[in-house]
Structures are given as structure tokens and as C-alpha cells.
Amino acid sequence: MVTVSDEAAGKIRSLLASEGKPDRELRVAVKGGGCSGFQYLLEFADGPRDMDQIIESNGVRVFVDPKSSLYLTGVVLRYDDGLMGAGFRVENPNART
């Protein structure tokens, strides 16, 4: 469902280590709203919620709620650090716009 790239996994581990909480994991969700209709939510979590799907990718555990899972099939989470800026990028082959 969700694949975490090598670069994104490294950045996630780095952020968790800098917070002093290396045991936390990542929650990925799709929320309604915004100009384009949906927005991605990335946040750290202490554990899964009821009915979450748990995915392990590149050593990172990712939690996805059932509603968001409908929109996240085939998604790749990437991290770019270049001259134009740094940040996480969600590549969704199912997105139309």
C-alpha cells in the first residue's frame, strides 16, 4: 500500500532521533479539505489505532486508517533535499490532479 523510499526512511529516523523518541512510528492519512479536495497528513504516532493497517517499509512502521487506505494504494513517500528546498513528497499514481 505505502512504500517509504530509502531517503524518506533515513529522514524519518533522523527526525525521531533528534526528538529523542526513536520508538515512535509514522501515521499517513488522507484528509478532506483544501483547494484540491484532499490533503495528506504525515505525523508521528506512539502506536496504531483500532482498525489501522500496519505497513513496514524500509524499516519504518506506517499506520493507515481504513478510510485513508482507499486512497493510498501504490503511494510512495519520498524525501527530497535539494537546491529548491527540502521536504517529504507523496507520489500517488491514483491522483488525477
PDB file of N, CA and C in Angstrom:
ATOM      1  N   MET A   1       0.824  -1.198   0.000  1.00  0.00           N
ATOM      2  CA  MET A   1       0.000   0.000   0.000  1.00  0.00           C
ATOM      3  C   MET A   1       0.865   1.256   0.000  1.00  0.00           C
ATOM      4  N   VAL A   2       1.655   1.501   1.039  1.00  0.00           N
ATOM      5  CA  VAL A   2       2.541   2.661   1.129  1.00  0.00           C
ATOM      6  C   VAL A   2       3.978   2.170   1.156  1.00  0.00           C
ATOM      7  N   THR A   3       4.799   2.741   0.289  1.00  0.00           N
ATOM      8  CA  THR A   3       6.218   2.423   0.262  1.00  0.00           C
ATOM      9  C   THR A   3       6.982   3.654   0.716  1.00  0.00           C
ATOM     10  N   VAL A   4       7.940   3.460   1.614  1.00  0.00           N
ATOM     11  CA  VAL A   4       8.787   4.542   2.093  1.00  0.00           C
ATOM     12  C   VAL A   4      10.134   4.399   1.410  1.00  0.00           C
ATOM     13  N   SER A   5      10.570   5.442   0.691  1.00  0.00           N
ATOM     14  CA  SER A   5      11.854   5.387  -0.012  1.00  0.00           C
ATOM     15  C   SER A   5      13.001   5.372   1.001  1.00  0.00           C
ATOM     16  N   ASP A   6      14.187   5.002   0.517  1.00  0.00           N
ATOM     17  CA  ASP A   6      15.377   4.986   1.377  1.00  0.00           C
ATOM     18  C   ASP A   6      15.617   6.354   2.009  1.00  0.00           C
ATOM     19  N   GLU A   7      15.524   7.410   1.197  1.00  0.00           N
ATOM     20  CA  GLU A   7      15.772   8.766   1.684  1.00  0.00           C
ATOM     21  C   GLU A   7      14.739   9.175   2.734  1.00  0.00           C
ATOM     22  N   ALA A   8      13.476   8.863   2.494  1.00  0.00           N
ATOM     23  CA  ALA A   8      12.424   9.214   3.445  1.00  0.00           C
ATOM     24  C   ALA A   8      12.602   8.441   4.749  1.00  0.00           C
ATOM     25  N   ALA A   9      12.944   7.163   4.662  1.00  0.00           N
ATOM     26  CA  ALA A   9      13.152   6.364   5.866  1.00  0.00           C
ATOM     27  C   ALA A   9      14.301   6.927   6.694  1.00  0.00           C
ATOM     28  N   GLY A  10      15.378   7.325   6.030  1.00  0.00           N
ATOM     29  CA  GLY A  10      16.511   7.908   6.733  1.00  0.00           C
ATOM     30  C   GLY A  10      16.146   9.206   7.423  1.00  0.00           C
ATOM     31  N   LYS A  11      15.363  10.046   6.744  1.00  0.00           N
ATOM     32  CA  LYS A  11      14.953  11.321   7.341  1.00  0.00           C
ATOM     33  C   LYS A  11      14.006  11.096   8.512  1.00  0.00           C
ATOM     34  N   ILE A  12      13.106  10.146   8.392  1.00  0.00           N
ATOM     35  CA  ILE A  12      12.173   9.833   9.488  1.00  0.00           C
ATOM     36  C   ILE A  12      12.952   9.383  10.714  1.00  0.00           C
ATOM     37  N   ARG A  13      13.907   8.473  10.527  1.00  0.00           N
ATOM     38  CA  ARG A  13      14.726   8.015  11.653  1.00  0.00           C
ATOM     39  C   ARG A  13      15.521   9.163  12.266  1.00  0.00           C
ATOM     40  N   SER A  14      16.039  10.047  11.424  1.00  0.00           N
ATOM     41  CA  SER A  14      16.799  11.202  11.895  1.00  0.00           C
ATOM     42  C   SER A  14      15.920  12.142  12.717  1.00  0.00           C
ATOM     43  N   LEU A  15      14.719  12.418  12.250  1.00  0.00           N
ATOM     44  CA  LEU A  15      13.803  13.294  12.984  1.00  0.00           C
ATOM     45  C   LEU A  15      13.408  12.698  14.334  1.00  0.00           C
ATOM     46  N   LEU A  16      13.133  11.409  14.340  1.00  0.00           N
ATOM     47  CA  LEU A  16      12.758  10.747  15.598  1.00  0.00           C
ATOM     48  C   LEU A  16      13.916  10.745  16.586  1.00  0.00           C
ATOM     49  N   ALA A  17      15.124  10.526  16.091  1.00  0.00           N
ATOM     50  CA  ALA A  17      16.297  10.528  16.965  1.00  0.00           C
ATOM     51  C   ALA A  17      16.528  11.921  17.546  1.00  0.00           C
ATOM     52  N   SER A  18      16.325  12.960  16.723  1.00  0.00           N
ATOM     53  CA  SER A  18      16.537  14.324  17.210  1.00  0.00           C
ATOM     54  C   SER A  18      15.490  14.722  18.248  1.00  0.00           C
ATOM     55  N   GLU A  19      14.297  14.113  18.182  1.00  0.00           N
ATOM     56  CA  GLU A  19      13.261  14.347  19.179  1.00  0.00           C
ATOM     57  C   GLU A  19      13.477  13.501  20.429  1.00  0.00           C
ATOM     58  N   GLY A  20      14.415  12.564  20.356  1.00  0.00           N
ATOM     59  CA  GLY A  20      14.648  11.666  21.483  1.00  0.00           C
ATOM     60  C   GLY A  20      13.567  10.609  21.632  1.00  0.00           C
ATOM     61  N   LYS A  21      12.856  10.313  20.543  1.00  0.00           N
ATOM     62  CA  LYS A  21      11.771   9.328  20.578  1.00  0.00           C
ATOM     63  C   LYS A  21      11.903   8.351  19.409  1.00  0.00           C
ATOM     64  N   PRO A  22      12.976   7.581  19.371  1.00  0.00           N
ATOM     65  CA  PRO A  22      13.210   6.703  18.223  1.00  0.00           C
ATOM     66  C   PRO A  22      12.204   5.553  18.092  1.00  0.00           C
ATOM     67  N   ASP A  23      11.384   5.321  19.115  1.00  0.00           N
ATOM     68  CA  ASP A  23      10.424   4.213  19.056  1.00  0.00           C
ATOM     69  C   ASP A  23       9.085   4.609  18.440  1.00  0.00           C
ATOM     70  N   ARG A  24       8.880   5.865  18.123  1.00  0.00           N
ATOM     71  CA  ARG A  24       7.619   6.284  17.508  1.00  0.00           C
ATOM     72  C   ARG A  24       7.586   5.825  16.054  1.00  0.00           C
ATOM     73  N   GLU A  25       6.399   5.875  15.478  1.00  0.00           N
ATOM     74  CA  GLU A  25       6.222   5.440  14.096  1.00  0.00           C
ATOM     75  C   GLU A  25       5.475   6.511  13.320  1.00  0.00           C
ATOM     76  N   LEU A  26       5.175   6.241  12.072  1.00  0.00           N
ATOM     77  CA  LEU A  26       4.590   7.238  11.185  1.00  0.00           C
ATOM     78  C   LEU A  26       3.136   6.908  10.879  1.00  0.00           C
ATOM     79  N   ARG A  27       2.295   7.925  10.935  1.00  0.00           N
ATOM     80  CA  ARG A  27       0.900   7.796  10.505  1.00  0.00           C
ATOM     81  C   ARG A  27       0.755   8.584   9.204  1.00  0.00           C
ATOM     82  N   VAL A  28       0.159   7.950   8.200  1.00  0.00           N
ATOM     83  CA  VAL A  28      -0.131   8.602   6.927  1.00  0.00           C
ATOM     84  C   VAL A  28      -1.642   8.547   6.743  1.00  0.00           C
ATOM     85  N   ALA A  29      -2.235   9.701   6.455  1.00  0.00           N
ATOM     86  CA  ALA A  29      -3.684   9.752   6.295  1.00  0.00           C
ATOM     87  C   ALA A  29      -4.039  10.708   5.167  1.00  0.00           C
ATOM     88  N   VAL A  30      -5.248  10.576   4.687  1.00  0.00           N
ATOM     89  CA  VAL A  30      -5.814  11.487   3.697  1.00  0.00           C
ATOM     90  C   VAL A  30      -6.968  12.199   4.388  1.00  0.00           C
ATOM     91  N   LYS A  31      -6.930  13.527   4.338  1.00  0.00           N
ATOM     92  CA  LYS A  31      -7.967  14.343   4.968  1.00  0.00           C
ATOM     93  C   LYS A  31      -8.675  15.151   3.893  1.00  0.00           C
ATOM     94  N   GLY A  32      -9.986  15.314   4.035  1.00  0.00           N
ATOM     95  CA  GLY A  32     -10.757  16.139   3.121  1.00  0.00           C
ATOM     96  C   GLY A  32     -10.486  17.609   3.392  1.00  0.00           C
ATOM     97  N   GLY A  33     -10.692  18.428   2.378  1.00  0.00           N
ATOM     98  CA  GLY A  33     -10.495  19.866   2.535  1.00  0.00           C
ATOM     99  C   GLY A  33      -9.367  20.359   1.673  1.00  0.00           C
ATOM    100  N   GLY A  34      -9.197  21.658   1.675  1.00  0.00           N
ATOM    101  CA  GLY A  34      -8.157  22.245   0.834  1.00  0.00           C
ATOM    102  C   GLY A  34      -8.695  22.533  -0.550  1.00  0.00           C
ATOM    103  N   CYS A  35      -7.944  23.264  -1.310  1.00  0.00           N
ATOM    104  CA  CYS A  35      -8.369  23.676  -2.654  1.00  0.00           C
ATOM    105  C   CYS A  35      -8.529  22.496  -3.602  1.00  0.00           C
ATOM    106  N   SER A  36      -7.688  21.492  -3.449  1.00  0.00           N
ATOM    107  CA  SER A  36      -7.720  20.365  -4.384  1.00  0.00           C
ATOM    108  C   SER A  36      -8.570  19.208  -3.894  1.00  0.00           C
ATOM    109  N   GLY A  37      -9.221  19.355  -2.760  1.00  0.00           N
ATOM    110  CA  GLY A  37     -10.119  18.312  -2.289  1.00  0.00           C
ATOM    111  C   GLY A  37      -9.553  17.447  -1.185  1.00  0.00           C
ATOM    112  N   PHE A  38      -8.323  16.948  -1.331  1.00  0.00           N
ATOM    113  CA  PHE A  38      -7.712  16.093  -0.323  1.00  0.00           C
ATOM    114  C   PHE A  38      -6.319  16.604   0.017  1.00  0.00           C
ATOM    115  N   GLN A  39      -5.920  16.337   1.238  1.00  0.00           N
ATOM    116  CA  GLN A  39      -4.572  16.655   1.686  1.00  0.00           C
ATOM    117  C   GLN A  39      -4.001  15.435   2.384  1.00  0.00           C
ATOM    118  N   TYR A  40      -2.684  15.279   2.309  1.00  0.00           N
ATOM    119  CA  TYR A  40      -2.011  14.193   3.007  1.00  0.00           C
ATOM    120  C   TYR A  40      -1.579  14.680   4.375  1.00  0.00           C
ATOM    121  N   LEU A  41      -1.722  13.819   5.349  1.00  0.00           N
ATOM    122  CA  LEU A  41      -1.290  14.116   6.706  1.00  0.00           C
ATOM    123  C   LEU A  41      -0.203  13.128   7.085  1.00  0.00           C
ATOM    124  N   LEU A  42       0.950  13.646   7.496  1.00  0.00           N
ATOM    125  CA  LEU A  42       2.046  12.832   7.991  1.00  0.00           C
ATOM    126  C   LEU A  42       2.302  13.267   9.420  1.00  0.00           C
ATOM    127  N   GLU A  43       2.257  12.320  10.351  1.00  0.00           N
ATOM    128  CA  GLU A  43       2.536  12.658  11.742  1.00  0.00           C
ATOM    129  C   GLU A  43       3.121  11.448  12.448  1.00  0.00           C
ATOM    130  N   PHE A  44       3.849  11.719  13.523  1.00  0.00           N
ATOM    131  CA  PHE A  44       4.413  10.632  14.303  1.00  0.00           C
ATOM    132  C   PHE A  44       3.372  10.129  15.287  1.00  0.00           C
ATOM    133  N   ALA A  45       3.399   8.829  15.544  1.00  0.00           N
ATOM    134  CA  ALA A  45       2.419   8.198  16.416  1.00  0.00           C
ATOM    135  C   ALA A  45       3.120   7.237  17.371  1.00  0.00           C
ATOM    136  N   ASP A  46       2.523   7.059  18.546  1.00  0.00           N
ATOM    137  CA  ASP A  46       3.071   6.137  19.535  1.00  0.00           C
ATOM    138  C   ASP A  46       2.628   4.703  19.301  1.00  0.00           C
ATOM    139  N   GLY A  47       1.600   4.523  18.514  1.00  0.00           N
ATOM    140  CA  GLY A  47       1.110   3.180  18.233  1.00  0.00           C
ATOM    141  C   GLY A  47      -0.097   3.241  17.326  1.00  0.00           C
ATOM    142  N   PRO A  48      -0.532   2.102  16.841  1.00  0.00           N
ATOM    143  CA  PRO A  48      -1.685   2.084  15.936  1.00  0.00           C
ATOM    144  C   PRO A  48      -2.994   2.317  16.688  1.00  0.00           C
ATOM    145  N   ARG A  49      -3.976   2.805  15.955  1.00  0.00           N
ATOM    146  CA  ARG A  49      -5.339   2.943  16.465  1.00  0.00           C
ATOM    147  C   ARG A  49      -6.113   1.689  16.067  1.00  0.00           C
ATOM    148  N   ASP A  50      -7.294   1.535  16.653  1.00  0.00           N
ATOM    149  CA  ASP A  50      -8.148   0.406  16.282  1.00  0.00           C
ATOM    150  C   ASP A  50      -8.387   0.426  14.774  1.00  0.00           C
ATOM    151  N   MET A  51      -8.266  -0.703  14.148  1.00  0.00           N
ATOM    152  CA  MET A  51      -8.553  -0.937  12.740  1.00  0.00           C
ATOM    153  C   MET A  51      -7.514  -0.345  11.788  1.00  0.00           C
ATOM    154  N   ASP A  52      -6.409   0.212  12.296  1.00  0.00           N
ATOM    155  CA  ASP A  52      -5.338   0.693  11.423  1.00  0.00           C
ATOM    156  C   ASP A  52      -4.685  -0.465  10.702  1.00  0.00           C
ATOM    157  N   GLN A  53      -4.279  -0.230   9.471  1.00  0.00           N
ATOM    158  CA  GLN A  53      -3.408  -1.170   8.786  1.00  0.00           C
ATOM    159  C   GLN A  53      -1.988  -0.800   9.172  1.00  0.00           C
ATOM    160  N   ILE A  54      -1.150  -1.793   9.368  1.00  0.00           N
ATOM    161  CA  ILE A  54       0.241  -1.562   9.746  1.00  0.00           C
ATOM    162  C   ILE A  54       1.114  -2.070   8.608  1.00  0.00           C
ATOM    163  N   ILE A  55       1.906  -1.160   8.053  1.00  0.00           N
ATOM    164  CA  ILE A  55       2.780  -1.485   6.940  1.00  0.00           C
ATOM    165  C   ILE A  55       4.213  -1.252   7.387  1.00  0.00           C
ATOM    166  N   GLU A  56       5.099  -2.141   7.027  1.00  0.00           N
ATOM    167  CA  GLU A  56       6.525  -1.946   7.304  1.00  0.00           C
ATOM    168  C   GLU A  56       7.231  -1.769   5.964  1.00  0.00           C
ATOM    169  N   SER A  57       7.952  -0.650   5.838  1.00  0.00           N
ATOM    170  CA  SER A  57       8.659  -0.362   4.599  1.00  0.00           C
ATOM    171  C   SER A  57       9.983   0.310   4.921  1.00  0.00           C
ATOM    172  N   ASN A  58      11.063  -0.283   4.487  1.00  0.00           N
ATOM    173  CA  ASN A  58      12.406   0.260   4.711  1.00  0.00           C
ATOM    174  C   ASN A  58      12.693   0.496   6.192  1.00  0.00           C
ATOM    175  N   GLY A  59      12.185  -0.386   7.035  1.00  0.00           N
ATOM    176  CA  GLY A  59      12.437  -0.280   8.466  1.00  0.00           C
ATOM    177  C   GLY A  59      11.559   0.720   9.200  1.00  0.00           C
ATOM    178  N   VAL A  60      10.576   1.293   8.506  1.00  0.00           N
ATOM    179  CA  VAL A  60       9.657   2.253   9.121  1.00  0.00           C
ATOM    180  C   VAL A  60       8.274   1.618   9.179  1.00  0.00           C
ATOM    181  N   ARG A  61       7.677   1.650  10.376  1.00  0.00           N
ATOM    182  CA  ARG A  61       6.287   1.186  10.503  1.00  0.00           C
ATOM    183  C   ARG A  61       5.355   2.348  10.211  1.00  0.00           C
ATOM    184  N   VAL A  62       4.369   2.100   9.336  1.00  0.00           N
ATOM    185  CA  VAL A  62       3.424   3.118   8.907  1.00  0.00           C
ATOM    186  C   VAL A  62       2.022   2.651   9.270  1.00  0.00           C
ATOM    187  N   PHE A  63       1.253   3.551   9.898  1.00  0.00           N
ATOM    188  CA  PHE A  63      -0.133   3.260  10.255  1.00  0.00           C
ATOM    189  C   PHE A  63      -1.054   4.006   9.295  1.00  0.00           C
ATOM    190  N   VAL A  64      -2.076   3.301   8.786  1.00  0.00           N
ATOM    191  CA  VAL A  64      -3.043   3.889   7.867  1.00  0.00           C
ATOM    192  C   VAL A  64      -4.437   3.496   8.335  1.00  0.00           C
ATOM    193  N   ASP A  65      -5.309   4.489   8.500  1.00  0.00           N
ATOM    194  CA  ASP A  65      -6.685   4.199   8.910  1.00  0.00           C
ATOM    195  C   ASP A  65      -7.466   3.635   7.721  1.00  0.00           C
ATOM    196  N   PRO A  66      -8.577   2.925   7.990  1.00  0.00           N
ATOM    197  CA  PRO A  66      -9.313   2.254   6.906  1.00  0.00           C
ATOM    198  C   PRO A  66      -9.798   3.196   5.806  1.00  0.00           C
ATOM    199  N   LYS A  67     -10.274   4.385   6.161  1.00  0.00           N
ATOM    200  CA  LYS A  67     -10.777   5.320   5.150  1.00  0.00           C
ATOM    201  C   LYS A  67      -9.647   5.802   4.245  1.00  0.00           C
ATOM    202  N   SER A  68      -8.508   6.142   4.846  1.00  0.00           N
ATOM    203  CA  SER A  68      -7.361   6.625   4.050  1.00  0.00           C
ATOM    204  C   SER A  68      -6.801   5.534   3.157  1.00  0.00           C
ATOM    205  N   SER A  69      -6.905   4.292   3.585  1.00  0.00           N
ATOM    206  CA  SER A  69      -6.329   3.195   2.794  1.00  0.00           C
ATOM    207  C   SER A  69      -6.950   3.108   1.406  1.00  0.00           C
ATOM    208  N   LEU A  70      -8.186   3.608   1.256  1.00  0.00           N
ATOM    209  CA  LEU A  70      -8.838   3.602  -0.054  1.00  0.00           C
ATOM    210  C   LEU A  70      -8.103   4.486  -1.065  1.00  0.00           C
ATOM    211  N   TYR A  71      -7.390   5.495  -0.573  1.00  0.00           N
ATOM    212  CA  TYR A  71      -6.727   6.465  -1.443  1.00  0.00           C
ATOM    213  C   TYR A  71      -5.208   6.299  -1.514  1.00  0.00           C
ATOM    214  N   LEU A  72      -4.655   5.389  -0.730  1.00  0.00           N
ATOM    215  CA  LEU A  72      -3.197   5.306  -0.613  1.00  0.00           C
ATOM    216  C   LEU A  72      -2.568   4.082  -1.276  1.00  0.00           C
ATOM    217  N   THR A  73      -3.315   3.337  -2.033  1.00  0.00           N
ATOM    218  CA  THR A  73      -2.764   2.164  -2.704  1.00  0.00           C
ATOM    219  C   THR A  73      -1.718   2.589  -3.728  1.00  0.00           C
ATOM    220  N   GLY A  74      -0.521   2.056  -3.595  1.00  0.00           N
ATOM    221  CA  GLY A  74       0.550   2.337  -4.533  1.00  0.00           C
ATOM    222  C   GLY A  74       1.337   3.605  -4.251  1.00  0.00           C
ATOM    223  N   VAL A  75       1.051   4.263  -3.140  1.00  0.00           N
ATOM    224  CA  VAL A  75       1.715   5.525  -2.807  1.00  0.00           C
ATOM    225  C   VAL A  75       3.170   5.282  -2.402  1.00  0.00           C
ATOM    226  N   VAL A  76       4.055   6.196  -2.837  1.00  0.00           N
ATOM    227  CA  VAL A  76       5.460   6.182  -2.434  1.00  0.00           C
ATOM    228  C   VAL A  76       5.741   7.485  -1.697  1.00  0.00           C
ATOM    229  N   LEU A  77       6.259   7.370  -0.488  1.00  0.00           N
ATOM    230  CA  LEU A  77       6.659   8.533   0.290  1.00  0.00           C
ATOM    231  C   LEU A  77       8.138   8.770   0.049  1.00  0.00           C
ATOM    232  N   ARG A  78       8.469   9.953  -0.460  1.00  0.00           N
ATOM    233  CA  ARG A  78       9.852  10.297  -0.781  1.00  0.00           C
ATOM    234  C   ARG A  78      10.277  11.513   0.035  1.00  0.00           C
ATOM    235  N   TYR A  79      11.591  11.676   0.160  1.00  0.00           N
ATOM    236  CA  TYR A  79      12.146  12.874   0.785  1.00  0.00           C
ATOM    237  C   TYR A  79      13.172  13.462  -0.163  1.00  0.00           C
ATOM    238  N   ASP A  80      12.995  14.737  -0.504  1.00  0.00           N
ATOM    239  CA  ASP A  80      13.909  15.430  -1.393  1.00  0.00           C
ATOM    240  C   ASP A  80      14.640  16.506  -0.608  1.00  0.00           C
ATOM    241  N   ASP A  81      15.934  16.627  -0.833  1.00  0.00           N
ATOM    242  CA  ASP A  81      16.750  17.649  -0.193  1.00  0.00           C
ATOM    243  C   ASP A  81      17.642  18.242  -1.268  1.00  0.00           C
ATOM    244  N   GLY A  82      17.157  19.310  -1.887  1.00  0.00           N
ATOM    245  CA  GLY A  82      17.896  19.893  -2.997  1.00  0.00           C
ATOM    246  C   GLY A  82      17.927  21.404  -2.919  1.00  0.00           C
ATOM    247  N   LEU A  83      18.396  22.016  -3.973  1.00  0.00           N
ATOM    248  CA  LEU A  83      18.524  23.468  -4.025  1.00  0.00           C
ATOM    249  C   LEU A  83      17.182  24.189  -3.924  1.00  0.00           C
ATOM    250  N   MET A  84      16.134  23.558  -4.390  1.00  0.00           N
ATOM    251  CA  MET A  84      14.811  24.184  -4.372  1.00  0.00           C
ATOM    252  C   MET A  84      14.085  23.975  -3.041  1.00  0.00           C
ATOM    253  N   GLY A  85      14.722  23.317  -2.097  1.00  0.00           N
ATOM    254  CA  GLY A  85      14.112  23.094  -0.794  1.00  0.00           C
ATOM    255  C   GLY A  85      14.124  21.632  -0.418  1.00  0.00           C
ATOM    256  N   ALA A  86      13.711  21.396   0.792  1.00  0.00           N
ATOM    257  CA  ALA A  86      13.681  20.027   1.305  1.00  0.00           C
ATOM    258  C   ALA A  86      12.292  19.725   1.838  1.00  0.00           C
ATOM    259  N   GLY A  87      11.901  18.467   1.740  1.00  0.00           N
ATOM    260  CA  GLY A  87      10.621  18.071   2.296  1.00  0.00           C
ATOM    261  C   GLY A  87      10.173  16.719   1.792  1.00  0.00           C
ATOM    262  N   PHE A  88       9.123  16.230   2.443  1.00  0.00           N
ATOM    263  CA  PHE A  88       8.528  14.962   2.036  1.00  0.00           C
ATOM    264  C   PHE A  88       7.606  15.211   0.851  1.00  0.00           C
ATOM    265  N   ARG A  89       7.548  14.225  -0.023  1.00  0.00           N
ATOM    266  CA  ARG A  89       6.702  14.291  -1.207  1.00  0.00           C
ATOM    267  C   ARG A  89       5.956  12.973  -1.323  1.00  0.00           C
ATOM    268  N   VAL A  90       4.661  13.049  -1.552  1.00  0.00           N
ATOM    269  CA  VAL A  90       3.836  11.851  -1.722  1.00  0.00           C
ATOM    270  C   VAL A  90       3.573  11.665  -3.204  1.00  0.00           C
ATOM    271  N   GLU A  91       4.015  10.535  -3.739  1.00  0.00           N
ATOM    272  CA  GLU A  91       3.732  10.185  -5.130  1.00  0.00           C
ATOM    273  C   GLU A  91       2.565   9.215  -5.144  1.00  0.00           C
ATOM    274  N   ASN A  92       1.447   9.673  -5.676  1.00  0.00           N
ATOM    275  CA  ASN A  92       0.248   8.854  -5.700  1.00  0.00           C
ATOM    276  C   ASN A  92      -0.153   8.594  -7.143  1.00  0.00           C
ATOM    277  N   PRO A  93       0.005   7.352  -7.611  1.00  0.00           N
ATOM    278  CA  PRO A  93      -0.353   7.048  -9.008  1.00  0.00           C
ATOM    279  C   PRO A  93      -1.856   7.124  -9.267  1.00  0.00           C
ATOM    280  N   ASN A  94      -2.653   7.197  -8.211  1.00  0.00           N
ATOM    281  CA  ASN A  94      -4.111   7.244  -8.355  1.00  0.00           C
ATOM    282  C   ASN A  94      -4.647   8.664  -8.432  1.00  0.00           C
ATOM    283  N   ALA A  95      -3.819   9.665  -8.111  1.00  0.00           N
ATOM    284  CA  ALA A  95      -4.277  11.062  -8.118  1.00  0.00           C
ATOM    285  C   ALA A  95      -4.525  11.510  -9.541  1.00  0.00           C
ATOM    286  N   ARG A  96      -5.630  12.161  -9.743  1.00  0.00           N
ATOM    287  CA  ARG A  96      -5.991  12.628 -11.084  1.00  0.00           C
ATOM    288  C   ARG A  96      -5.491  14.050 -11.347  1.00  0.00           C
ATOM    289  N   THR A  97      -5.435  14.857 -10.299  1.00  0.00           N
ATOM    290  CA  THR A  97      -4.943  16.243 -10.457  1.00  0.00           C
ATOM    291  C   THR A  97      -4.053  16.591  -9.298  1.00  0.00           C
TER     292      THR A  97
END
